[in-house]
Protein backbone atom coordinates (compact mmCIF):
# COMPACT_ATOMS: atom_id res chain seq x y z
CA MET A 1 74.02 32.13 57.16
CA THR A 2 78.06 31.33 56.94
CA LEU A 3 79.79 34.54 57.30
CA PRO A 4 82.92 34.45 54.48
CA GLN A 5 86.37 33.23 56.16
CA ILE A 6 88.64 35.49 57.28
CA THR A 7 92.72 35.81 58.35
CA LYS A 8 93.97 36.40 61.81
CA LEU A 9 95.58 39.83 60.77
CA GLU A 10 91.54 40.94 59.33
CA ALA A 11 90.62 39.80 62.63
CA CYS A 12 92.98 41.72 64.21
CA GLN A 13 92.50 44.70 61.77
CA ILE A 14 88.99 44.33 62.34
CA LEU A 15 89.30 44.23 66.02
CA TYR A 16 91.56 47.16 66.43
CA LYS A 17 88.80 49.58 64.94
CA GLY A 18 86.23 48.30 67.39
CA GLN A 19 83.79 46.52 64.25
CA SER A 20 83.84 43.32 66.77
CA ASN A 21 84.73 42.01 69.55
CA VAL A 22 87.59 39.80 71.23
CA LYS A 23 84.49 37.03 71.95
CA LEU A 24 83.14 36.65 68.38
CA MET A 25 86.45 36.68 66.44
CA ALA A 26 87.71 33.67 67.80
CA ASN A 27 84.40 31.98 67.32
CA ARG A 28 84.39 33.11 63.66
CA LEU A 29 87.86 32.04 63.63
CA GLU A 30 87.33 28.67 65.67
CA ILE A 31 89.80 29.23 67.86
CA SER A 32 89.87 29.18 71.89
CA LEU A 33 89.07 33.10 73.26
CA GLU A 34 92.66 32.97 75.26
CA GLU A 35 94.64 32.24 71.29
CA MET A 36 92.34 35.40 70.34
CA GLN A 37 93.37 37.62 72.75
CA GLU A 38 97.15 36.40 73.01
CA LEU A 39 96.89 37.23 69.00
CA PHE A 40 95.15 40.96 69.43
CA GLY A 41 97.86 41.87 72.37
CA ASP A 42 100.26 41.00 70.01
CA TYR A 43 98.62 43.20 67.12
CA VAL A 44 98.01 45.94 69.42
CA ALA A 45 101.97 46.16 70.80
CA GLN A 46 103.13 45.73 67.13
CA ASN A 47 100.35 48.64 66.01
CA PRO A 48 100.05 51.36 68.70
CA VAL A 49 98.06 54.35 68.27
CA SER A 50 99.54 57.36 68.46
CA ASP A 51 98.69 60.38 69.54
CA GLU A 52 97.65 62.46 66.51
CA ALA A 53 95.48 59.31 65.41
CA TRP A 54 92.63 61.41 67.56
CA LYS A 55 93.29 64.28 66.47
CA LYS A 56 92.88 63.09 63.53
CA ASP A 57 89.09 62.15 64.60
CA ILE A 58 86.51 64.71 63.88
CA ASP A 59 83.24 62.35 62.71
CA ILE A 60 80.47 63.51 65.38
CA SER A 61 79.46 60.36 67.18
CA TRP A 62 76.44 59.33 69.76
CA PRO A 63 74.74 60.83 71.13
CA TYR A 64 76.42 64.19 69.49
CA SER A 65 75.21 63.19 66.19
CA GLY A 66 71.65 64.18 67.03
CA CYS A 67 70.54 60.61 66.65
């Protein structure tokens, strides 16, 4: 099964949300792990998480969700 192509920006957004890991995104983009790490590091530096973002996180997560 072939995954649809994504851009480097989309890969960084997926990583930023914690929906994948850096190695998998590097493989999917067919770039080196080191290049993906650098791209993601630059993305995070330009898009810092604010303290307010955590206050809006009201979804119950495992193991507390009763799963």
